[in-house]
């Protein structure tokens, strides 16, 4: 069943899932030790939760071990950044447009909901 884990799961994620399974087992163990389980579960349900949690801890522990045995795929080295000077000349500065050549501004349209003043 461990072999069904896709290789795309990172070791960090596997460690997090293992830690989460351990926390779940610790929660149910503490619940049993304190006696609070009687408010939430029957004795059979609690034992089933404890067995299931222990199985998950073992499953993720084996998954972490297998992930350490498998060599990660080698990534090609990243090339060094190439600093290139701009090959285009700077844009020419255009002269300002004379006001006579510009069309007059259009009036701002009034909203039909605006108050008449």
C-alpha atoms as a PDB file:
ATOM      1  CA  UNK A   1       0.000   0.000   0.000  1.00  0.00           C
ATOM      2  CA  UNK A   2       2.929   2.333   0.610  1.00  0.00           C
ATOM      3  CA  UNK A   3       4.045   1.869  -2.980  1.00  0.00           C
ATOM      4  CA  UNK A   4       0.788   3.535  -4.062  1.00  0.00           C
ATOM      5  CA  UNK A   5       2.101   6.917  -2.878  1.00  0.00           C
ATOM      6  CA  UNK A   6       2.894   9.070  -5.898  1.00  0.00           C
ATOM      7  CA  UNK A   7       6.478  10.206  -6.235  1.00  0.00           C
ATOM      8  CA  UNK A   8       5.270  13.774  -6.497  1.00  0.00           C
ATOM      9  CA  UNK A   9       4.659  13.924  -2.731  1.00  0.00           C
ATOM     10  CA  UNK A  10       7.645  15.693  -1.232  1.00  0.00           C
ATOM     11  CA  UNK A  11       9.517  14.416   1.797  1.00  0.00           C
ATOM     12  CA  UNK A  12       8.392  17.495   3.706  1.00  0.00           C
ATOM     13  CA  UNK A  13       4.739  16.623   3.038  1.00  0.00           C
ATOM     14  CA  UNK A  14       5.316  13.001   4.082  1.00  0.00           C
ATOM     15  CA  UNK A  15       6.906  14.175   7.345  1.00  0.00           C
ATOM     16  CA  UNK A  16       3.946  16.498   7.989  1.00  0.00           C
ATOM     17  CA  UNK A  17       1.444  13.692   7.375  1.00  0.00           C
ATOM     18  CA  UNK A  18       3.403  11.376   9.685  1.00  0.00           C
ATOM     19  CA  UNK A  19       3.468  14.031  12.402  1.00  0.00           C
ATOM     20  CA  UNK A  20      -0.275  14.616  11.955  1.00  0.00           C
ATOM     21  CA  UNK A  21      -0.963  10.878  12.339  1.00  0.00           C
ATOM     22  CA  UNK A  22       1.161  10.827  15.506  1.00  0.00           C
ATOM     23  CA  UNK A  23      -0.768  13.797  16.907  1.00  0.00           C
ATOM     24  CA  UNK A  24      -4.063  12.026  16.179  1.00  0.00           C
ATOM     25  CA  UNK A  25      -2.866   8.893  17.966  1.00  0.00           C
ATOM     26  CA  UNK A  26      -1.690  10.991  20.919  1.00  0.00           C
ATOM     27  CA  UNK A  27      -5.098  12.697  21.066  1.00  0.00           C
ATOM     28  CA  UNK A  28      -7.007   9.411  21.243  1.00  0.00           C
ATOM     29  CA  UNK A  29      -4.500   7.982  23.742  1.00  0.00           C
ATOM     30  CA  UNK A  30      -4.926  11.023  25.995  1.00  0.00           C
ATOM     31  CA  UNK A  31      -8.707  10.842  25.579  1.00  0.00           C
ATOM     32  CA  UNK A  32      -8.635   7.227  26.753  1.00  0.00           C
ATOM     33  CA  UNK A  33      -6.288   7.952  29.670  1.00  0.00           C
ATOM     34  CA  UNK A  34      -8.394  10.863  30.933  1.00  0.00           C
ATOM     35  CA  UNK A  35     -11.710   9.041  30.637  1.00  0.00           C
ATOM     36  CA  UNK A  36     -13.254  11.806  28.526  1.00  0.00           C
ATOM     37  CA  UNK A  37     -13.848   9.277  25.730  1.00  0.00           C
ATOM     38  CA  UNK A  38     -17.064   8.230  27.482  1.00  0.00           C
ATOM     39  CA  UNK A  39     -18.656  11.525  26.427  1.00  0.00           C
ATOM     40  CA  UNK A  40     -17.912  10.979  22.732  1.00  0.00           C
ATOM     41  CA  UNK A  41     -17.461   7.268  21.939  1.00  0.00           C
ATOM     42  CA  UNK A  42     -18.418   3.798  23.005  1.00  0.00           C
ATOM     43  CA  UNK A  43     -15.556   1.523  24.116  1.00  0.00           C
ATOM     44  CA  UNK A  44     -15.595  -0.320  20.766  1.00  0.00           C
ATOM     45  CA  UNK A  45     -15.525   2.923  18.759  1.00  0.00           C
ATOM     46  CA  UNK A  46     -12.594   4.245  20.778  1.00  0.00           C
ATOM     47  CA  UNK A  47     -10.606   1.026  20.317  1.00  0.00           C
ATOM     48  CA  UNK A  48     -11.326   1.166  16.579  1.00  0.00           C
ATOM     49  CA  UNK A  49     -10.099   4.796  16.443  1.00  0.00           C
ATOM     50  CA  UNK A  50      -6.934   3.849  18.351  1.00  0.00           C
ATOM     51  CA  UNK A  51      -6.212   0.903  16.019  1.00  0.00           C
ATOM     52  CA  UNK A  52      -6.878   3.055  12.952  1.00  0.00           C
ATOM     53  CA  UNK A  53      -4.627   5.855  14.258  1.00  0.00           C
ATOM     54  CA  UNK A  54      -1.821   3.395  15.043  1.00  0.00           C
ATOM     55  CA  UNK A  55      -2.136   1.937  11.536  1.00  0.00           C
ATOM     56  CA  UNK A  56      -1.890   5.429  10.014  1.00  0.00           C
ATOM     57  CA  UNK A  57       1.217   6.214  12.069  1.00  0.00           C
ATOM     58  CA  UNK A  58       2.864   3.010  10.835  1.00  0.00           C
ATOM     59  CA  UNK A  59       1.760   3.673   7.241  1.00  0.00           C
ATOM     60  CA  UNK A  60       3.254   7.174   7.152  1.00  0.00           C
ATOM     61  CA  UNK A  61       6.399   6.035   9.016  1.00  0.00           C
ATOM     62  CA  UNK A  62       7.035   3.420   6.288  1.00  0.00           C
ATOM     63  CA  UNK A  63       6.254   6.020   3.617  1.00  0.00           C
ATOM     64  CA  UNK A  64       8.866   8.368   5.065  1.00  0.00           C
ATOM     65  CA  UNK A  65      11.418   5.544   5.192  1.00  0.00           C
ATOM     66  CA  UNK A  66      10.758   4.619   1.571  1.00  0.00           C
ATOM     67  CA  UNK A  67      10.998   8.233   0.470  1.00  0.00           C
ATOM     68  CA  UNK A  68      14.475   8.417   2.023  1.00  0.00           C
ATOM     69  CA  UNK A  69      15.569   5.279   0.145  1.00  0.00           C
ATOM     70  CA  UNK A  70      14.426   6.532  -3.254  1.00  0.00           C
ATOM     71  CA  UNK A  71      16.849   8.863  -4.950  1.00  0.00           C
ATOM     72  CA  UNK A  72      15.218  12.152  -5.925  1.00  0.00           C
ATOM     73  CA  UNK A  73      15.478  12.913  -9.637  1.00  0.00           C
ATOM     74  CA  UNK A  74      18.494  15.026 -10.452  1.00  0.00           C
ATOM     75  CA  UNK A  75      17.639  18.482 -11.607  1.00  0.00           C
ATOM     76  CA  UNK A  76      19.886  20.190 -14.112  1.00  0.00           C
ATOM     77  CA  UNK A  77      21.908  23.006 -12.597  1.00  0.00           C
ATOM     78  CA  UNK A  78      20.401  26.429 -12.979  1.00  0.00           C
ATOM     79  CA  UNK A  79      22.261  28.572 -15.488  1.00  0.00           C
ATOM     80  CA  UNK A  80      23.910  31.705 -14.207  1.00  0.00           C
ATOM     81  CA  UNK A  81      21.906  34.859 -14.951  1.00  0.00           C
ATOM     82  CA  UNK A  82      23.110  36.678 -18.016  1.00  0.00           C
ATOM     83  CA  UNK A  83      23.313  40.433 -17.723  1.00  0.00           C
ATOM     84  CA  UNK A  84      22.618  41.932 -21.117  1.00  0.00           C
ATOM     85  CA  UNK A  85      22.938  45.583 -21.950  1.00  0.00           C
ATOM     86  CA  UNK A  86      19.918  46.984 -23.791  1.00  0.00           C
ATOM     87  CA  UNK A  87      20.442  46.650 -27.517  1.00  0.00           C
ATOM     88  CA  UNK A  88      17.927  49.332 -28.520  1.00  0.00           C
ATOM     89  CA  UNK A  89      18.724  53.019 -28.400  1.00  0.00           C
ATOM     90  CA  UNK A  90      16.598  55.096 -26.040  1.00  0.00           C
ATOM     91  CA  UNK A  91      13.341  56.407 -27.440  1.00  0.00           C
ATOM     92  CA  UNK A  92      13.588  59.915 -28.849  1.00  0.00           C
ATOM     93  CA  UNK A  93      11.995  62.719 -26.891  1.00  0.00           C
ATOM     94  CA  UNK A  94       9.083  64.098 -28.893  1.00  0.00           C
ATOM     95  CA  UNK A  95       8.324  67.792 -28.976  1.00  0.00           C
ATOM     96  CA  UNK A  96       5.110  68.900 -27.241  1.00  0.00           C
ATOM     97  CA  UNK A  97       1.966  69.118 -29.381  1.00  0.00           C
ATOM     98  CA  UNK A  98       0.786  72.699 -29.903  1.00  0.00           C
ATOM     99  CA  UNK A  99      -2.548  73.521 -28.290  1.00  0.00           C
ATOM    100  CA  UNK A 100      -4.001  74.676 -31.616  1.00  0.00           C
ATOM    101  CA  UNK A 101      -3.559  71.175 -33.075  1.00  0.00           C
ATOM    102  CA  UNK A 102      -5.493  69.497 -30.276  1.00  0.00           C
ATOM    103  CA  UNK A 103      -9.287  69.158 -30.498  1.00  0.00           C
ATOM    104  CA  UNK A 104     -11.346  70.978 -27.859  1.00  0.00           C
ATOM    105  CA  UNK A 105     -12.326  68.874 -24.860  1.00  0.00           C
ATOM    106  CA  UNK A 106     -15.776  67.299 -24.948  1.00  0.00           C
ATOM    107  CA  UNK A 107     -18.196  68.238 -22.199  1.00  0.00           C
ATOM    108  CA  UNK A 108     -18.602  65.660 -19.457  1.00  0.00           C
ATOM    109  CA  UNK A 109     -21.942  63.866 -19.947  1.00  0.00           C
ATOM    110  CA  UNK A 110     -24.444  64.523 -17.195  1.00  0.00           C
ATOM    111  CA  UNK A 111     -26.043  61.618 -15.469  1.00  0.00           C
ATOM    112  CA  UNK A 112     -29.789  61.383 -15.792  1.00  0.00           C
ATOM    113  CA  UNK A 113     -29.897  61.017 -12.026  1.00  0.00           C
ATOM    114  CA  UNK A 114     -27.930  64.200 -11.290  1.00  0.00           C
ATOM    115  CA  UNK A 115     -29.716  67.135  -9.691  1.00  0.00           C
ATOM    116  CA  UNK A 116     -30.348  70.136 -11.794  1.00  0.00           C
ATOM    117  CA  UNK A 117     -28.644  73.132 -10.239  1.00  0.00           C
END
